[in-house]
């Protein structure tokens, strides 16, 4: 007798796991999009950190409709295996889809780090901002990106009643905090994000060792983002410092040899200085060609 269950149940089980797998790979969430906003969320892939604020239709890889309950969802099964930097954004009505608002409560975008296995949930229940107070689940790297943004956002929105010097000091303190964050972060893309948010182009001229050490830390990281950053650090930086350190070492060696030579001279004084006064007088007369009798008569000695 033909047993249909023999084939039917394995198919059901396989279908269940395939469905479970597809559900486990997504970027989804719930947003409050008011009437001034288009009811679509756009997803962009950023090829480099230089494009954080760049936008074009070519960068948008997908879009999802926001339903009546504020839910949206993107499939991530076609994402690369390695983590990449992505951006979600919503445009205002009347604005083109490829439009960004930078800074303030109207900022209409957020960044996230994802790969094909990502299952990221983004929930924002604050009607005052679109992504500003979003709760991130299942993505520690994206949560850390938001921490960096909160550091920068505080300075951008701070009410400065003091002098320009006060703001400059606060900006310097923020840059240092971002660098400390990057130095201790265990995720390379998040660490790079923090560095790009700091004033690293100017800081490199005064502390290049920090960036050389940073790149050394992530030298085994196969990432186009790390490689892009490496190109911003002078290629000959390591060689230049090796050359400088070599010159310094040579000069120190010469100085050490000079000091040792002086010490040797001090230990082996001129034999003349070892003679008595009378012996020096005799030696002087000998240099003048005096005979033994002449020296004896002149010094009144035998």
C-alpha atoms as a PDB file:
ATOM      1  CA  UNK A   1       0.000   0.000   0.000  1.00  0.00           C
ATOM      2  CA  UNK A   2       1.359   3.488  -0.932  1.00  0.00           C
ATOM      3  CA  UNK A   3       2.129   5.590   2.141  1.00  0.00           C
ATOM      4  CA  UNK A   4       1.790   9.268   1.191  1.00  0.00           C
ATOM      5  CA  UNK A   5       2.854  10.368   4.657  1.00  0.00           C
ATOM      6  CA  UNK A   6       6.307   8.943   3.994  1.00  0.00           C
ATOM      7  CA  UNK A   7       6.928  11.812   1.579  1.00  0.00           C
ATOM      8  CA  UNK A   8       4.456  14.390   2.863  1.00  0.00           C
ATOM      9  CA  UNK A   9       5.822  14.900   6.387  1.00  0.00           C
ATOM     10  CA  UNK A  10       9.468  15.479   5.374  1.00  0.00           C
ATOM     11  CA  UNK A  11       8.260  18.103   2.888  1.00  0.00           C
ATOM     12  CA  UNK A  12       6.263  19.836   5.624  1.00  0.00           C
ATOM     13  CA  UNK A  13       9.279  19.818   7.941  1.00  0.00           C
ATOM     14  CA  UNK A  14      11.560  21.153   5.198  1.00  0.00           C
ATOM     15  CA  UNK A  15       9.041  23.887   4.384  1.00  0.00           C
ATOM     16  CA  UNK A  16       8.868  24.821   8.065  1.00  0.00           C
ATOM     17  CA  UNK A  17      12.640  25.234   8.377  1.00  0.00           C
ATOM     18  CA  UNK A  18      12.899  27.184   5.119  1.00  0.00           C
ATOM     19  CA  UNK A  19      10.141  29.518   6.312  1.00  0.00           C
ATOM     20  CA  UNK A  20      11.815  29.874   9.708  1.00  0.00           C
ATOM     21  CA  UNK A  21      15.140  30.670   8.045  1.00  0.00           C
ATOM     22  CA  UNK A  22      13.585  33.324   5.804  1.00  0.00           C
ATOM     23  CA  UNK A  23      11.894  34.947   8.781  1.00  0.00           C
ATOM     24  CA  UNK A  24      15.153  34.916  10.727  1.00  0.00           C
ATOM     25  CA  UNK A  25      16.910  37.037   8.075  1.00  0.00           C
ATOM     26  CA  UNK A  26      15.281  40.428   7.889  1.00  0.00           C
ATOM     27  CA  UNK A  27      15.340  44.062   8.856  1.00  0.00           C
ATOM     28  CA  UNK A  28      11.967  44.962  10.239  1.00  0.00           C
ATOM     29  CA  UNK A  29      10.402  47.335  12.653  1.00  0.00           C
ATOM     30  CA  UNK A  30       7.737  49.778  13.610  1.00  0.00           C
ATOM     31  CA  UNK A  31       7.889  53.535  13.042  1.00  0.00           C
ATOM     32  CA  UNK A  32       5.594  56.469  13.572  1.00  0.00           C
ATOM     33  CA  UNK A  33       5.461  58.244  10.216  1.00  0.00           C
ATOM     34  CA  UNK A  34       3.168  61.268  10.382  1.00  0.00           C
ATOM     35  CA  UNK A  35       1.233  62.809   7.512  1.00  0.00           C
ATOM     36  CA  UNK A  36       4.205  64.924   6.395  1.00  0.00           C
ATOM     37  CA  UNK A  37       6.192  61.814   5.433  1.00  0.00           C
ATOM     38  CA  UNK A  38       5.950  59.353   2.576  1.00  0.00           C
ATOM     39  CA  UNK A  39       4.830  55.959   3.816  1.00  0.00           C
ATOM     40  CA  UNK A  40       7.927  54.164   2.532  1.00  0.00           C
ATOM     41  CA  UNK A  41      11.225  53.240   4.126  1.00  0.00           C
ATOM     42  CA  UNK A  42      14.236  53.184   1.794  1.00  0.00           C
ATOM     43  CA  UNK A  43      17.284  50.962   2.256  1.00  0.00           C
ATOM     44  CA  UNK A  44      20.697  51.994   0.907  1.00  0.00           C
ATOM     45  CA  UNK A  45      24.066  50.275   0.828  1.00  0.00           C
ATOM     46  CA  UNK A  46      26.977  52.581   1.651  1.00  0.00           C
ATOM     47  CA  UNK A  47      30.189  51.483  -0.090  1.00  0.00           C
ATOM     48  CA  UNK A  48      32.334  53.661   2.172  1.00  0.00           C
ATOM     49  CA  UNK A  49      32.259  55.945   5.179  1.00  0.00           C
ATOM     50  CA  UNK A  50      32.889  58.910   2.904  1.00  0.00           C
ATOM     51  CA  UNK A  51      29.343  58.397   1.640  1.00  0.00           C
ATOM     52  CA  UNK A  52      27.638  58.782   5.036  1.00  0.00           C
ATOM     53  CA  UNK A  53      25.828  61.881   3.793  1.00  0.00           C
ATOM     54  CA  UNK A  54      25.835  61.098   0.093  1.00  0.00           C
ATOM     55  CA  UNK A  55      22.557  60.097  -1.519  1.00  0.00           C
ATOM     56  CA  UNK A  56      21.417  59.095  -4.971  1.00  0.00           C
ATOM     57  CA  UNK A  57      18.820  56.816  -6.501  1.00  0.00           C
ATOM     58  CA  UNK A  58      21.616  54.408  -7.454  1.00  0.00           C
ATOM     59  CA  UNK A  59      22.469  53.888  -3.763  1.00  0.00           C
ATOM     60  CA  UNK A  60      18.933  52.764  -2.891  1.00  0.00           C
ATOM     61  CA  UNK A  61      18.720  48.972  -3.098  1.00  0.00           C
ATOM     62  CA  UNK A  62      15.176  48.419  -1.807  1.00  0.00           C
ATOM     63  CA  UNK A  63      12.109  50.065  -0.310  1.00  0.00           C
ATOM     64  CA  UNK A  64       9.317  48.828   1.935  1.00  0.00           C
ATOM     65  CA  UNK A  65       5.861  50.208   2.556  1.00  0.00           C
ATOM     66  CA  UNK A  66       4.863  51.239   6.072  1.00  0.00           C
ATOM     67  CA  UNK A  67       1.482  49.672   6.829  1.00  0.00           C
ATOM     68  CA  UNK A  68      -1.315  51.216   8.870  1.00  0.00           C
ATOM     69  CA  UNK A  69       0.260  49.978  12.100  1.00  0.00           C
ATOM     70  CA  UNK A  70       3.655  51.426  11.241  1.00  0.00           C
ATOM     71  CA  UNK A  71       5.300  48.107  10.411  1.00  0.00           C
ATOM     72  CA  UNK A  72       7.846  47.593   7.628  1.00  0.00           C
ATOM     73  CA  UNK A  73      10.162  44.736   6.634  1.00  0.00           C
ATOM     74  CA  UNK A  74      13.151  44.039   4.358  1.00  0.00           C
ATOM     75  CA  UNK A  75      14.504  40.659   3.358  1.00  0.00           C
ATOM     76  CA  UNK A  76      18.256  40.239   3.911  1.00  0.00           C
ATOM     77  CA  UNK A  77      18.892  36.798   2.402  1.00  0.00           C
ATOM     78  CA  UNK A  78      20.560  38.429  -0.629  1.00  0.00           C
ATOM     79  CA  UNK A  79      22.937  40.503   1.523  1.00  0.00           C
ATOM     80  CA  UNK A  80      26.667  39.677   1.451  1.00  0.00           C
ATOM     81  CA  UNK A  81      28.013  37.281   4.068  1.00  0.00           C
ATOM     82  CA  UNK A  82      30.315  39.950   5.467  1.00  0.00           C
ATOM     83  CA  UNK A  83      28.876  42.817   7.439  1.00  0.00           C
ATOM     84  CA  UNK A  84      28.302  45.998   5.475  1.00  0.00           C
ATOM     85  CA  UNK A  85      27.096  49.478   6.327  1.00  0.00           C
ATOM     86  CA  UNK A  86      23.483  50.276   5.394  1.00  0.00           C
ATOM     87  CA  UNK A  87      21.169  53.232   5.840  1.00  0.00           C
ATOM     88  CA  UNK A  88      17.424  53.487   6.339  1.00  0.00           C
ATOM     89  CA  UNK A  89      15.652  56.722   5.509  1.00  0.00           C
ATOM     90  CA  UNK A  90      12.204  58.201   4.956  1.00  0.00           C
ATOM     91  CA  UNK A  91      11.585  61.179   2.708  1.00  0.00           C
ATOM     92  CA  UNK A  92       9.129  63.983   3.239  1.00  0.00           C
ATOM     93  CA  UNK A  93       6.132  64.366   0.967  1.00  0.00           C
ATOM     94  CA  UNK A  94       7.080  66.500  -1.996  1.00  0.00           C
ATOM     95  CA  UNK A  95      10.767  65.579  -1.670  1.00  0.00           C
ATOM     96  CA  UNK A  96      12.411  63.025  -3.964  1.00  0.00           C
ATOM     97  CA  UNK A  97      13.018  59.575  -2.466  1.00  0.00           C
ATOM     98  CA  UNK A  98      16.785  60.142  -2.487  1.00  0.00           C
ATOM     99  CA  UNK A  99      16.822  63.005   0.013  1.00  0.00           C
ATOM    100  CA  UNK A 100      18.455  63.335   3.418  1.00  0.00           C
ATOM    101  CA  UNK A 101      17.840  65.688   6.314  1.00  0.00           C
ATOM    102  CA  UNK A 102      20.959  66.018   8.448  1.00  0.00           C
ATOM    103  CA  UNK A 103      20.817  67.078  12.087  1.00  0.00           C
ATOM    104  CA  UNK A 104      18.043  67.994  14.485  1.00  0.00           C
ATOM    105  CA  UNK A 105      14.772  66.245  15.271  1.00  0.00           C
ATOM    106  CA  UNK A 106      13.834  66.178  11.591  1.00  0.00           C
ATOM    107  CA  UNK A 107      16.809  63.970  10.717  1.00  0.00           C
ATOM    108  CA  UNK A 108      15.257  61.291   8.544  1.00  0.00           C
ATOM    109  CA  UNK A 109      17.815  58.490   8.483  1.00  0.00           C
ATOM    110  CA  UNK A 110      19.748  55.994  10.580  1.00  0.00           C
ATOM    111  CA  UNK A 111      22.680  53.653   9.935  1.00  0.00           C
ATOM    112  CA  UNK A 112      22.914  49.956  10.624  1.00  0.00           C
ATOM    113  CA  UNK A 113      25.384  47.132  10.139  1.00  0.00           C
ATOM    114  CA  UNK A 114      24.006  43.913   8.692  1.00  0.00           C
ATOM    115  CA  UNK A 115      24.746  40.787   6.677  1.00  0.00           C
ATOM    116  CA  UNK A 116      22.643  38.001   5.175  1.00  0.00           C
ATOM    117  CA  UNK A 117      22.074  36.358   8.573  1.00  0.00           C
ATOM    118  CA  UNK A 118      20.904  39.554  10.265  1.00  0.00           C
ATOM    119  CA  UNK A 119      17.574  39.652  12.020  1.00  0.00           C
ATOM    120  CA  UNK A 120      17.332  43.268  13.127  1.00  0.00           C
ATOM    121  CA  UNK A 121      14.329  44.843  14.770  1.00  0.00           C
ATOM    122  CA  UNK A 122      13.886  48.631  14.939  1.00  0.00           C
ATOM    123  CA  UNK A 123      11.049  50.015  17.039  1.00  0.00           C
ATOM    124  CA  UNK A 124      10.392  53.712  17.616  1.00  0.00           C
ATOM    125  CA  UNK A 125       7.393  54.847  19.638  1.00  0.00           C
ATOM    126  CA  UNK A 126       8.447  58.504  19.838  1.00  0.00           C
ATOM    127  CA  UNK A 127       6.450  60.708  17.489  1.00  0.00           C
ATOM    128  CA  UNK A 128       8.924  63.557  17.968  1.00  0.00           C
ATOM    129  CA  UNK A 129      11.640  61.918  15.879  1.00  0.00           C
ATOM    130  CA  UNK A 130      11.623  59.280  13.149  1.00  0.00           C
ATOM    131  CA  UNK A 131      14.653  57.227  14.146  1.00  0.00           C
ATOM    132  CA  UNK A 132      16.192  59.223  16.994  1.00  0.00           C
ATOM    133  CA  UNK A 133      14.899  57.111  19.897  1.00  0.00           C
ATOM    134  CA  UNK A 134      14.587  53.807  18.083  1.00  0.00           C
ATOM    135  CA  UNK A 135      15.131  50.642  20.109  1.00  0.00           C
ATOM    136  CA  UNK A 136      17.472  48.201  18.341  1.00  0.00           C
ATOM    137  CA  UNK A 137      17.186  44.459  18.901  1.00  0.00           C
ATOM    138  CA  UNK A 138      19.423  41.586  17.725  1.00  0.00           C
ATOM    139  CA  UNK A 139      22.168  43.883  16.445  1.00  0.00           C
ATOM    140  CA  UNK A 140      24.796  44.932  19.004  1.00  0.00           C
ATOM    141  CA  UNK A 141      26.796  46.681  16.280  1.00  0.00           C
ATOM    142  CA  UNK A 142      23.855  48.874  15.279  1.00  0.00           C
ATOM    143  CA  UNK A 143      23.170  49.669  18.943  1.00  0.00           C
ATOM    144  CA  UNK A 144      26.763  50.881  19.286  1.00  0.00           C
ATOM    145  CA  UNK A 145      26.341  53.031  16.175  1.00  0.00           C
ATOM    146  CA  UNK A 146      23.449  54.702  17.942  1.00  0.00           C
ATOM    147  CA  UNK A 147      25.630  55.291  21.020  1.00  0.00           C
ATOM    148  CA  UNK A 148      28.143  57.116  18.835  1.00  0.00           C
ATOM    149  CA  UNK A 149      25.328  59.181  17.339  1.00  0.00           C
ATOM    150  CA  UNK A 150      24.106  60.122  20.809  1.00  0.00           C
ATOM    151  CA  UNK A 151      27.580  61.460  21.682  1.00  0.00           C
ATOM    152  CA  UNK A 152      27.642  63.607  18.552  1.00  0.00           C
ATOM    153  CA  UNK A 153      23.976  64.636  18.876  1.00  0.00           C
ATOM    154  CA  UNK A 154      24.581  66.039  22.367  1.00  0.00           C
ATOM    155  CA  UNK A 155      27.226  68.429  21.092  1.00  0.00           C
ATOM    156  CA  UNK A 156      25.168  69.422  18.056  1.00  0.00           C
ATOM    157  CA  UNK A 157      22.138  70.319  20.158  1.00  0.00           C
ATOM    158  CA  UNK A 158      23.937  71.803  23.171  1.00  0.00           C
ATOM    159  CA  UNK A 159      23.080  75.398  23.980  1.00  0.00           C
ATOM    160  CA  UNK A 160      26.410  77.206  24.065  1.00  0.00           C
ATOM    161  CA  UNK A 161      26.232  80.399  26.078  1.00  0.00           C
ATOM    162  CA  UNK A 162      29.977  80.569  26.493  1.00  0.00           C
ATOM    163  CA  UNK A 163      32.769  81.655  24.215  1.00  0.00           C
ATOM    164  CA  UNK A 164      33.872  80.014  20.958  1.00  0.00           C
ATOM    165  CA  UNK A 165      36.811  78.687  22.955  1.00  0.00           C
ATOM    166  CA  UNK A 166      34.389  76.703  25.133  1.00  0.00           C
ATOM    167  CA  UNK A 167      32.862  75.032  22.091  1.00  0.00           C
ATOM    168  CA  UNK A 168      36.302  74.293  20.723  1.00  0.00           C
ATOM    169  CA  UNK A 169      37.296  72.638  23.983  1.00  0.00           C
ATOM    170  CA  UNK A 170      34.089  70.584  24.007  1.00  0.00           C
ATOM    171  CA  UNK A 171      34.654  69.499  20.403  1.00  0.00           C
ATOM    172  CA  UNK A 172      38.189  68.448  21.273  1.00  0.00           C
ATOM    173  CA  UNK A 173      36.897  66.473  24.263  1.00  0.00           C
ATOM    174  CA  UNK A 174      34.268  64.779  22.061  1.00  0.00           C
ATOM    175  CA  UNK A 175      36.871  63.818  19.459  1.00  0.00           C
ATOM    176  CA  UNK A 176      39.037  62.303  22.183  1.00  0.00           C
ATOM    177  CA  UNK A 177      36.054  60.382  23.569  1.00  0.00           C
ATOM    178  CA  UNK A 178      35.253  59.036  20.100  1.00  0.00           C
ATOM    179  CA  UNK A 179      38.838  57.900  19.626  1.00  0.00           C
ATOM    180  CA  UNK A 180      38.818  56.135  22.987  1.00  0.00           C
ATOM    181  CA  UNK A 181      35.578  54.452  21.960  1.00  0.00           C
ATOM    182  CA  UNK A 182      37.133  53.339  18.658  1.00  0.00           C
ATOM    183  CA  UNK A 183      40.283  52.096  20.390  1.00  0.00           C
ATOM    184  CA  UNK A 184      38.354  49.786  22.717  1.00  0.00           C
ATOM    185  CA  UNK A 185      35.547  48.720  20.357  1.00  0.00           C
ATOM    186  CA  UNK A 186      35.601  45.067  19.273  1.00  0.00           C
ATOM    187  CA  UNK A 187      33.699  45.695  16.006  1.00  0.00           C
ATOM    188  CA  UNK A 188      35.838  47.160  13.192  1.00  0.00           C
ATOM    189  CA  UNK A 189      33.023  48.928  11.328  1.00  0.00           C
ATOM    190  CA  UNK A 190      31.686  50.533  14.500  1.00  0.00           C
ATOM    191  CA  UNK A 191      35.207  51.619  15.464  1.00  0.00           C
ATOM    192  CA  UNK A 192      35.692  53.160  12.012  1.00  0.00           C
ATOM    193  CA  UNK A 193      32.330  54.922  12.295  1.00  0.00           C
ATOM    194  CA  UNK A 194      33.475  56.559  15.542  1.00  0.00           C
ATOM    195  CA  UNK A 195      36.746  57.682  13.948  1.00  0.00           C
ATOM    196  CA  UNK A 196      34.949  59.177  10.957  1.00  0.00           C
ATOM    197  CA  UNK A 197      32.709  61.088  13.344  1.00  0.00           C
ATOM    198  CA  UNK A 198      35.817  62.605  14.950  1.00  0.00           C
ATOM    199  CA  UNK A 199      38.157  65.137  13.415  1.00  0.00           C
ATOM    200  CA  UNK A 200      40.698  62.493  12.428  1.00  0.00           C
ATOM    201  CA  UNK A 201      42.122  64.354   9.397  1.00  0.00           C
ATOM    202  CA  UNK A 202      43.542  67.080  11.653  1.00  0.00           C
ATOM    203  CA  UNK A 203      44.357  64.799  14.564  1.00  0.00           C
ATOM    204  CA  UNK A 204      46.511  62.546  12.397  1.00  0.00           C
ATOM    205  CA  UNK A 205      49.127  65.275  11.967  1.00  0.00           C
ATOM    206  CA  UNK A 206      49.652  65.476  15.740  1.00  0.00           C
ATOM    207  CA  UNK A 207      49.178  61.825  16.699  1.00  0.00           C
ATOM    208  CA  UNK A 208      49.798  59.548  13.708  1.00  0.00           C
ATOM    209  CA  UNK A 209      50.826  56.670  15.992  1.00  0.00           C
ATOM    210  CA  UNK A 210      47.199  56.226  17.095  1.00  0.00           C
ATOM    211  CA  UNK A 211      45.992  55.548  13.542  1.00  0.00           C
ATOM    212  CA  UNK A 212      48.945  53.353  12.628  1.00  0.00           C
ATOM    213  CA  UNK A 213      48.269  51.312  15.760  1.00  0.00           C
ATOM    214  CA  UNK A 214      44.551  51.189  14.898  1.00  0.00           C
ATOM    215  CA  UNK A 215      45.248  49.824  11.413  1.00  0.00           C
ATOM    216  CA  UNK A 216      47.715  47.336  12.862  1.00  0.00           C
ATOM    217  CA  UNK A 217      44.949  46.066  15.153  1.00  0.00           C
ATOM    218  CA  UNK A 218      42.642  45.391  12.187  1.00  0.00           C
ATOM    219  CA  UNK A 219      45.271  44.356   9.619  1.00  0.00           C
ATOM    220  CA  UNK A 220      43.684  40.888   9.278  1.00  0.00           C
ATOM    221  CA  UNK A 221      40.203  42.317   8.767  1.00  0.00           C
ATOM    222  CA  UNK A 222      39.188  41.716   5.158  1.00  0.00           C
ATOM    223  CA  UNK A 223      36.975  44.748   4.727  1.00  0.00           C
ATOM    224  CA  UNK A 224      36.722  47.316   1.957  1.00  0.00           C
ATOM    225  CA  UNK A 225      35.942  49.888   4.640  1.00  0.00           C
ATOM    226  CA  UNK A 226      39.205  49.263   6.487  1.00  0.00           C
ATOM    227  CA  UNK A 227      41.086  49.292   3.187  1.00  0.00           C
ATOM    228  CA  UNK A 228      39.473  52.612   2.263  1.00  0.00           C
ATOM    229  CA  UNK A 229      40.549  54.110   5.580  1.00  0.00           C
ATOM    230  CA  UNK A 230      44.066  52.722   5.147  1.00  0.00           C
ATOM    231  CA  UNK A 231      44.388  54.767   1.953  1.00  0.00           C
ATOM    232  CA  UNK A 232      43.642  57.934   3.899  1.00  0.00           C
ATOM    233  CA  UNK A 233      46.614  57.300   6.135  1.00  0.00           C
ATOM    234  CA  UNK A 234      49.835  58.114   4.234  1.00  0.00           C
ATOM    235  CA  UNK A 235      51.133  54.881   2.721  1.00  0.00           C
ATOM    236  CA  UNK A 236      54.678  55.755   3.697  1.00  0.00           C
ATOM    237  CA  UNK A 237      53.739  56.578   7.271  1.00  0.00           C
ATOM    238  CA  UNK A 238      55.285  53.391   8.669  1.00  0.00           C
ATOM    239  CA  UNK A 239      58.378  53.821   6.503  1.00  0.00           C
ATOM    240  CA  UNK A 240      58.713  57.478   7.411  1.00  0.00           C
ATOM    241  CA  UNK A 241      58.596  56.726  11.094  1.00  0.00           C
ATOM    242  CA  UNK A 242      61.024  53.836  10.655  1.00  0.00           C
ATOM    243  CA  UNK A 243      63.390  56.205   8.839  1.00  0.00           C
ATOM    244  CA  UNK A 244      63.032  58.887  11.506  1.00  0.00           C
ATOM    245  CA  UNK A 245      63.550  56.376  14.289  1.00  0.00           C
ATOM    246  CA  UNK A 246      66.596  55.057  12.417  1.00  0.00           C
ATOM    247  CA  UNK A 247      68.111  58.558  12.197  1.00  0.00           C
ATOM    248  CA  UNK A 248      67.406  59.147  15.875  1.00  0.00           C
ATOM    249  CA  UNK A 249      69.041  55.818  16.713  1.00  0.00           C
ATOM    250  CA  UNK A 250      72.115  56.714  14.631  1.00  0.00           C
ATOM    251  CA  UNK A 251      72.479  60.088  16.345  1.00  0.00           C
ATOM    252  CA  UNK A 252      72.110  58.487  19.756  1.00  0.00           C
ATOM    253  CA  UNK A 253      74.779  55.957  18.787  1.00  0.00           C
ATOM    254  CA  UNK A 254      77.199  58.712  17.746  1.00  0.00           C
ATOM    255  CA  UNK A 255      76.508  60.608  20.966  1.00  0.00           C
ATOM    256  CA  UNK A 256      77.109  57.448  22.994  1.00  0.00           C
ATOM    257  CA  UNK A 257      80.417  56.777  21.223  1.00  0.00           C
ATOM    258  CA  UNK A 258      81.500  60.361  21.894  1.00  0.00           C
ATOM    259  CA  UNK A 259      80.679  60.069  25.580  1.00  0.00           C
ATOM    260  CA  UNK A 260      82.482  56.742  25.864  1.00  0.00           C
ATOM    261  CA  UNK A 261      85.493  58.246  24.075  1.00  0.00           C
ATOM    262  CA  UNK A 262      85.574  61.144  26.508  1.00  0.00           C
ATOM    263  CA  UNK A 263      85.432  58.737  29.414  1.00  0.00           C
ATOM    264  CA  UNK A 264      88.269  56.700  27.920  1.00  0.00           C
ATOM    265  CA  UNK A 265      90.373  59.843  27.600  1.00  0.00           C
ATOM    266  CA  UNK A 266      89.656  60.698  31.213  1.00  0.00           C
ATOM    267  CA  UNK A 267      90.734  57.226  32.285  1.00  0.00           C
ATOM    268  CA  UNK A 268      94.025  57.437  30.221  1.00  0.00           C
ATOM    269  CA  UNK A 269      95.462  60.942  30.899  1.00  0.00           C
ATOM    270  CA  UNK A 270      98.473  62.410  29.084  1.00  0.00           C
ATOM    271  CA  UNK A 271     101.676  60.853  30.554  1.00  0.00           C
ATOM    272  CA  UNK A 272     103.161  64.362  30.919  1.00  0.00           C
ATOM    273  CA  UNK A 273     100.610  65.039  33.671  1.00  0.00           C
ATOM    274  CA  UNK A 274     102.050  62.131  35.644  1.00  0.00           C
ATOM    275  CA  UNK A 275     105.493  63.786  35.969  1.00  0.00           C
ATOM    276  CA  UNK A 276     106.633  65.851  38.937  1.00  0.00           C
ATOM    277  CA  UNK A 277     107.440  69.548  38.533  1.00  0.00           C
ATOM    278  CA  UNK A 278     111.176  68.894  38.417  1.00  0.00           C
ATOM    279  CA  UNK A 279     110.708  66.090  35.888  1.00  0.00           C
ATOM    280  CA  UNK A 280     108.647  68.401  33.682  1.00  0.00           C
ATOM    281  CA  UNK A 281     111.449  71.013  33.817  1.00  0.00           C
ATOM    282  CA  UNK A 282     113.954  68.383  32.743  1.00  0.00           C
ATOM    283  CA  UNK A 283     111.645  67.257  29.936  1.00  0.00           C
ATOM    284  CA  UNK A 284     111.253  70.855  28.726  1.00  0.00           C
ATOM    285  CA  UNK A 285     115.026  71.376  28.594  1.00  0.00           C
ATOM    286  CA  UNK A 286     115.464  68.076  26.769  1.00  0.00           C
ATOM    287  CA  UNK A 287     112.980  69.303  24.142  1.00  0.00           C
ATOM    288  CA  UNK A 288     115.146  72.413  23.752  1.00  0.00           C
ATOM    289  CA  UNK A 289     118.204  70.248  22.978  1.00  0.00           C
ATOM    290  CA  UNK A 290     120.080  70.753  26.218  1.00  0.00           C
ATOM    291  CA  UNK A 291     122.704  68.199  27.135  1.00  0.00           C
ATOM    292  CA  UNK A 292     122.645  66.271  30.403  1.00  0.00           C
ATOM    293  CA  UNK A 293     125.473  68.490  31.794  1.00  0.00           C
ATOM    294  CA  UNK A 294     123.691  71.637  30.646  1.00  0.00           C
ATOM    295  CA  UNK A 295     120.439  70.565  32.324  1.00  0.00           C
ATOM    296  CA  UNK A 296     122.327  69.658  35.547  1.00  0.00           C
ATOM    297  CA  UNK A 297     124.059  73.056  35.621  1.00  0.00           C
ATOM    298  CA  UNK A 298     120.837  75.020  34.863  1.00  0.00           C
ATOM    299  CA  UNK A 299     118.716  73.212  37.468  1.00  0.00           C
ATOM    300  CA  UNK A 300     121.638  72.851  39.951  1.00  0.00           C
ATOM    301  CA  UNK A 301     121.209  69.106  40.184  1.00  0.00           C
ATOM    302  CA  UNK A 302     123.596  66.154  39.704  1.00  0.00           C
END
